[in-house]
């Protein structure tokens, strides 16, 4: 896969997943602000890259995510499951985006 095709595939996958996240957010009345949306999009693009290239995540400590709500963790796992080939550590990291966005009123 050449670089341009690879970049297009990564962006297409990231865009697809971001659309699905938007649906999950809408169903739960979660409204990330602009900065949170940009950070989430950047993270999802990195997840798409790892999904397509097999690049591993650095080691992540589960204890760092003990304060994340079960709802945010569940939403994050649903998103990770969309990729079909990412480790559950990805959900831990992604859950932070959901937790922070839920705080918006």
N, C-alpha and C. Protein backbone atom coordinates (compact mmCIF):
# COMPACT_ATOMS: atom_id res chain seq x y z
N UNK A 1 0.86 -1.18 0.00
CA UNK A 1 0.00 0.00 0.00
C UNK A 1 0.90 1.24 0.00
N UNK A 2 0.73 2.10 -1.01
CA UNK A 2 1.56 3.31 -1.00
C UNK A 2 1.03 4.31 0.02
N UNK A 3 1.81 5.32 0.29
CA UNK A 3 1.48 6.24 1.37
C UNK A 3 0.16 6.96 1.14
N UNK A 4 -0.09 7.43 -0.07
CA UNK A 4 -1.34 8.15 -0.35
C UNK A 4 -2.54 7.23 -0.15
N UNK A 5 -2.46 6.01 -0.67
CA UNK A 5 -3.56 5.06 -0.48
C UNK A 5 -3.74 4.72 0.99
N UNK A 6 -2.64 4.56 1.68
CA UNK A 6 -2.69 4.26 3.11
C UNK A 6 -3.35 5.38 3.89
N UNK A 7 -2.96 6.62 3.59
CA UNK A 7 -3.55 7.77 4.27
C UNK A 7 -5.04 7.86 4.00
N UNK A 8 -5.43 7.58 2.76
CA UNK A 8 -6.86 7.61 2.41
C UNK A 8 -7.63 6.52 3.16
N UNK A 9 -7.06 5.34 3.24
CA UNK A 9 -7.72 4.23 3.94
C UNK A 9 -7.87 4.54 5.42
N UNK A 10 -6.82 5.10 6.01
CA UNK A 10 -6.86 5.47 7.44
C UNK A 10 -7.93 6.52 7.67
N UNK A 11 -7.93 7.56 6.82
CA UNK A 11 -8.91 8.64 7.01
C UNK A 11 -10.33 8.14 6.78
N UNK A 12 -10.52 7.27 5.80
CA UNK A 12 -11.87 6.73 5.53
C UNK A 12 -12.37 5.93 6.73
N UNK A 13 -11.50 5.11 7.30
CA UNK A 13 -11.89 4.32 8.47
C UNK A 13 -12.17 5.25 9.65
N UNK A 14 -11.31 6.23 9.87
CA UNK A 14 -11.51 7.18 10.97
C UNK A 14 -12.82 7.95 10.79
N UNK A 15 -13.11 8.39 9.57
CA UNK A 15 -14.36 9.12 9.31
C UNK A 15 -15.58 8.25 9.58
N UNK A 16 -15.51 7.00 9.18
CA UNK A 16 -16.62 6.06 9.39
C UNK A 16 -16.87 5.89 10.89
N UNK A 17 -15.79 5.67 11.64
CA UNK A 17 -15.94 5.47 13.09
C UNK A 17 -16.41 6.76 13.77
N UNK A 18 -15.90 7.91 13.34
CA UNK A 18 -16.36 9.18 13.93
C UNK A 18 -17.86 9.37 13.70
N UNK A 19 -18.35 8.94 12.55
CA UNK A 19 -19.79 9.02 12.29
C UNK A 19 -20.57 8.14 13.26
N UNK A 20 -20.03 6.97 13.54
CA UNK A 20 -20.70 6.06 14.48
C UNK A 20 -20.62 6.61 15.91
N UNK A 21 -19.52 7.24 16.26
CA UNK A 21 -19.40 7.87 17.58
C UNK A 21 -20.41 9.01 17.70
N UNK A 22 -20.58 9.77 16.64
CA UNK A 22 -21.56 10.87 16.67
C UNK A 22 -22.96 10.33 16.99
N UNK A 23 -23.29 9.17 16.43
CA UNK A 23 -24.57 8.54 16.73
C UNK A 23 -24.68 8.10 18.18
N UNK A 24 -23.61 7.52 18.71
CA UNK A 24 -23.59 7.11 20.12
C UNK A 24 -23.74 8.33 21.03
N UNK A 25 -23.04 9.41 20.69
CA UNK A 25 -23.13 10.64 21.49
C UNK A 25 -24.54 11.21 21.44
N UNK A 26 -25.12 11.27 20.24
CA UNK A 26 -26.45 11.85 20.09
C UNK A 26 -27.48 11.05 20.89
N UNK A 27 -27.37 9.74 20.87
CA UNK A 27 -28.32 8.88 21.58
C UNK A 27 -28.23 9.09 23.09
N UNK A 28 -27.09 9.57 23.57
CA UNK A 28 -26.90 9.75 25.02
C UNK A 28 -26.80 11.22 25.40
N UNK A 29 -27.09 12.09 24.46
CA UNK A 29 -27.05 13.54 24.69
C UNK A 29 -25.68 13.99 25.21
N UNK A 30 -24.62 13.42 24.66
CA UNK A 30 -23.25 13.82 25.00
C UNK A 30 -22.79 14.79 23.92
N UNK A 31 -22.36 15.98 24.34
CA UNK A 31 -21.98 17.00 23.37
C UNK A 31 -20.56 17.50 23.63
N UNK A 32 -19.57 16.91 22.95
CA UNK A 32 -18.20 17.39 23.13
C UNK A 32 -18.05 18.80 22.55
N UNK A 33 -17.19 19.59 23.19
CA UNK A 33 -16.92 20.91 22.62
C UNK A 33 -15.94 20.77 21.45
N UNK A 34 -15.60 21.86 20.82
CA UNK A 34 -14.78 21.81 19.60
C UNK A 34 -13.42 21.18 19.87
N UNK A 35 -12.78 21.58 20.96
CA UNK A 35 -11.45 21.03 21.29
C UNK A 35 -11.56 19.53 21.58
N UNK A 36 -12.56 19.13 22.35
CA UNK A 36 -12.76 17.72 22.66
C UNK A 36 -13.02 16.93 21.38
N UNK A 37 -13.78 17.50 20.46
CA UNK A 37 -14.07 16.84 19.19
C UNK A 37 -12.80 16.65 18.38
N UNK A 38 -11.94 17.68 18.35
CA UNK A 38 -10.68 17.59 17.61
C UNK A 38 -9.76 16.54 18.23
N UNK A 39 -9.69 16.50 19.55
CA UNK A 39 -8.84 15.52 20.22
C UNK A 39 -9.35 14.10 19.97
N UNK A 40 -10.67 13.94 20.02
CA UNK A 40 -11.27 12.64 19.75
C UNK A 40 -10.98 12.21 18.31
N UNK A 41 -11.14 13.12 17.36
CA UNK A 41 -10.89 12.79 15.95
C UNK A 41 -9.43 12.38 15.74
N UNK A 42 -8.52 13.07 16.41
CA UNK A 42 -7.10 12.73 16.30
C UNK A 42 -6.84 11.34 16.87
N UNK A 43 -7.45 11.04 18.01
CA UNK A 43 -7.27 9.73 18.63
C UNK A 43 -7.86 8.63 17.74
N UNK A 44 -9.04 8.86 17.21
CA UNK A 44 -9.68 7.85 16.35
C UNK A 44 -8.84 7.62 15.10
N UNK A 45 -8.25 8.67 14.56
CA UNK A 45 -7.37 8.49 13.39
C UNK A 45 -6.16 7.62 13.76
N UNK A 46 -5.60 7.85 14.94
CA UNK A 46 -4.47 7.03 15.40
C UNK A 46 -4.92 5.57 15.59
N UNK A 47 -6.13 5.38 16.09
CA UNK A 47 -6.67 4.02 16.23
C UNK A 47 -6.83 3.36 14.86
N UNK A 48 -7.31 4.13 13.89
CA UNK A 48 -7.47 3.60 12.53
C UNK A 48 -6.11 3.19 11.97
N UNK A 49 -5.11 4.01 12.20
CA UNK A 49 -3.75 3.69 11.75
C UNK A 49 -3.30 2.38 12.38
N UNK A 50 -3.47 2.24 13.70
CA UNK A 50 -3.03 1.01 14.37
C UNK A 50 -3.84 -0.19 13.89
N UNK A 51 -5.11 0.02 13.61
CA UNK A 51 -5.96 -1.07 13.13
C UNK A 51 -5.48 -1.57 11.77
N UNK A 52 -5.10 -0.65 10.90
CA UNK A 52 -4.71 -1.01 9.53
C UNK A 52 -3.26 -1.46 9.41
N UNK A 53 -2.39 -0.97 10.31
CA UNK A 53 -0.97 -1.30 10.19
C UNK A 53 -0.52 -2.36 11.18
N UNK A 54 -1.32 -2.58 12.22
CA UNK A 54 -0.91 -3.53 13.25
C UNK A 54 0.09 -2.96 14.24
N UNK A 55 0.35 -1.66 14.13
CA UNK A 55 1.28 -1.01 15.07
C UNK A 55 0.72 -1.13 16.49
N UNK A 56 1.54 -1.57 17.45
CA UNK A 56 1.03 -1.75 18.82
C UNK A 56 0.97 -0.44 19.60
N UNK A 57 0.13 -0.45 20.61
CA UNK A 57 0.09 0.66 21.57
C UNK A 57 1.27 0.52 22.53
N UNK A 58 1.75 1.63 23.07
CA UNK A 58 2.69 1.49 24.18
C UNK A 58 1.96 0.85 25.37
N UNK A 59 2.69 0.33 26.31
CA UNK A 59 2.05 -0.32 27.46
C UNK A 59 1.23 0.70 28.25
N UNK A 60 0.04 0.27 28.67
CA UNK A 60 -0.88 1.14 29.40
C UNK A 60 -1.27 0.43 30.70
N UNK A 61 -1.30 1.19 31.79
CA UNK A 61 -1.66 0.63 33.09
C UNK A 61 -3.16 0.76 33.32
N UNK A 62 -3.84 -0.36 33.54
CA UNK A 62 -5.29 -0.35 33.74
C UNK A 62 -5.71 0.51 34.93
N UNK A 63 -4.89 0.55 35.98
CA UNK A 63 -5.24 1.30 37.18
C UNK A 63 -5.47 2.78 36.91
N UNK A 64 -4.86 3.31 35.87
CA UNK A 64 -5.03 4.73 35.54
C UNK A 64 -6.47 5.06 35.16
N UNK A 65 -7.26 4.04 34.86
CA UNK A 65 -8.61 4.27 34.35
C UNK A 65 -9.70 3.85 35.34
N UNK A 66 -9.32 3.66 36.61
CA UNK A 66 -10.27 3.19 37.61
C UNK A 66 -11.42 4.16 37.86
N UNK A 67 -11.19 5.46 37.64
CA UNK A 67 -12.22 6.46 37.91
C UNK A 67 -13.15 6.71 36.73
N UNK A 68 -12.93 6.02 35.63
CA UNK A 68 -13.80 6.17 34.45
C UNK A 68 -15.11 5.43 34.72
N UNK A 69 -16.23 6.08 34.38
CA UNK A 69 -17.53 5.47 34.63
C UNK A 69 -17.73 4.23 33.77
N UNK A 70 -18.53 3.28 34.25
CA UNK A 70 -18.83 2.09 33.43
C UNK A 70 -19.48 2.47 32.09
N UNK A 71 -20.30 3.52 32.09
CA UNK A 71 -20.94 3.95 30.83
C UNK A 71 -19.91 4.39 29.80
N UNK A 72 -18.95 5.21 30.23
CA UNK A 72 -17.91 5.67 29.30
C UNK A 72 -17.06 4.51 28.82
N UNK A 73 -16.74 3.59 29.72
CA UNK A 73 -15.92 2.43 29.34
C UNK A 73 -16.68 1.56 28.34
N UNK A 74 -17.99 1.39 28.58
CA UNK A 74 -18.81 0.58 27.67
C UNK A 74 -18.91 1.23 26.29
N UNK A 75 -19.11 2.54 26.25
CA UNK A 75 -19.15 3.25 24.96
C UNK A 75 -17.83 3.09 24.22
N UNK A 76 -16.74 3.26 24.95
CA UNK A 76 -15.43 3.14 24.33
C UNK A 76 -15.21 1.73 23.78
N UNK A 77 -15.63 0.71 24.53
CA UNK A 77 -15.47 -0.67 24.07
C UNK A 77 -16.30 -0.91 22.81
N UNK A 78 -17.50 -0.33 22.75
CA UNK A 78 -18.33 -0.46 21.53
C UNK A 78 -17.59 0.10 20.32
N UNK A 79 -16.94 1.24 20.51
CA UNK A 79 -16.19 1.86 19.40
C UNK A 79 -14.99 1.00 19.02
N UNK A 80 -14.25 0.53 20.00
CA UNK A 80 -13.09 -0.32 19.72
C UNK A 80 -13.54 -1.58 18.98
N UNK A 81 -14.68 -2.12 19.37
CA UNK A 81 -15.21 -3.32 18.71
C UNK A 81 -15.51 -3.08 17.23
N UNK A 82 -15.81 -1.83 16.85
CA UNK A 82 -16.07 -1.51 15.44
C UNK A 82 -14.84 -1.82 14.58
N UNK A 83 -13.67 -1.63 15.14
CA UNK A 83 -12.44 -1.90 14.40
C UNK A 83 -12.21 -3.40 14.24
N UNK A 84 -12.58 -4.17 15.25
CA UNK A 84 -12.49 -5.62 15.15
C UNK A 84 -11.13 -6.24 15.43
N UNK A 85 -10.10 -5.41 15.57
CA UNK A 85 -8.78 -6.01 15.75
C UNK A 85 -7.88 -5.22 16.70
N UNK A 86 -8.49 -4.41 17.56
CA UNK A 86 -7.69 -3.61 18.50
C UNK A 86 -7.82 -4.18 19.92
N UNK A 87 -6.76 -4.04 20.72
CA UNK A 87 -6.79 -4.57 22.09
C UNK A 87 -7.68 -3.72 23.00
N UNK A 88 -8.08 -4.29 24.14
CA UNK A 88 -8.98 -3.56 25.03
C UNK A 88 -8.33 -2.34 25.65
N UNK A 89 -7.00 -2.28 25.66
CA UNK A 89 -6.33 -1.07 26.14
C UNK A 89 -6.76 0.16 25.35
N UNK A 90 -7.10 -0.03 24.09
CA UNK A 90 -7.59 1.09 23.27
C UNK A 90 -8.87 1.66 23.88
N UNK A 91 -9.73 0.81 24.41
CA UNK A 91 -10.97 1.28 25.04
C UNK A 91 -10.66 2.09 26.29
N UNK A 92 -9.66 1.66 27.04
CA UNK A 92 -9.29 2.41 28.23
C UNK A 92 -8.94 3.85 27.86
N UNK A 93 -8.09 3.99 26.85
CA UNK A 93 -7.66 5.32 26.43
C UNK A 93 -8.82 6.13 25.85
N UNK A 94 -9.61 5.50 25.04
CA UNK A 94 -10.73 6.19 24.39
C UNK A 94 -11.78 6.62 25.41
N UNK A 95 -11.96 5.85 26.46
CA UNK A 95 -12.98 6.16 27.46
C UNK A 95 -12.79 7.53 28.09
N UNK A 96 -11.57 7.99 28.15
CA UNK A 96 -11.30 9.31 28.73
C UNK A 96 -12.01 10.40 27.93
N UNK A 97 -12.02 10.27 26.60
CA UNK A 97 -12.71 11.26 25.75
C UNK A 97 -14.19 11.30 26.08
N UNK A 98 -14.80 10.14 26.26
CA UNK A 98 -16.22 10.08 26.56
C UNK A 98 -16.53 10.64 27.94
N UNK A 99 -15.68 10.30 28.89
CA UNK A 99 -15.87 10.77 30.27
C UNK A 99 -15.82 12.29 30.32
N UNK A 100 -14.84 12.88 29.65
CA UNK A 100 -14.69 14.34 29.66
C UNK A 100 -15.87 15.00 28.93
N UNK A 101 -16.28 14.45 27.80
CA UNK A 101 -17.38 15.04 27.04
C UNK A 101 -18.70 14.96 27.81
N UNK A 102 -18.87 13.92 28.63
CA UNK A 102 -20.10 13.80 29.42
C UNK A 102 -20.24 14.92 30.44
N UNK A 103 -19.12 15.52 30.82
CA UNK A 103 -19.15 16.59 31.83
C UNK A 103 -19.73 17.89 31.28
N UNK A 104 -19.82 18.03 29.97
CA UNK A 104 -20.36 19.25 29.36
C UNK A 104 -21.85 19.35 29.60
N UNK A 105 -22.30 20.50 29.94
CA UNK A 105 -23.75 20.71 30.10
C UNK A 105 -24.20 21.84 29.20
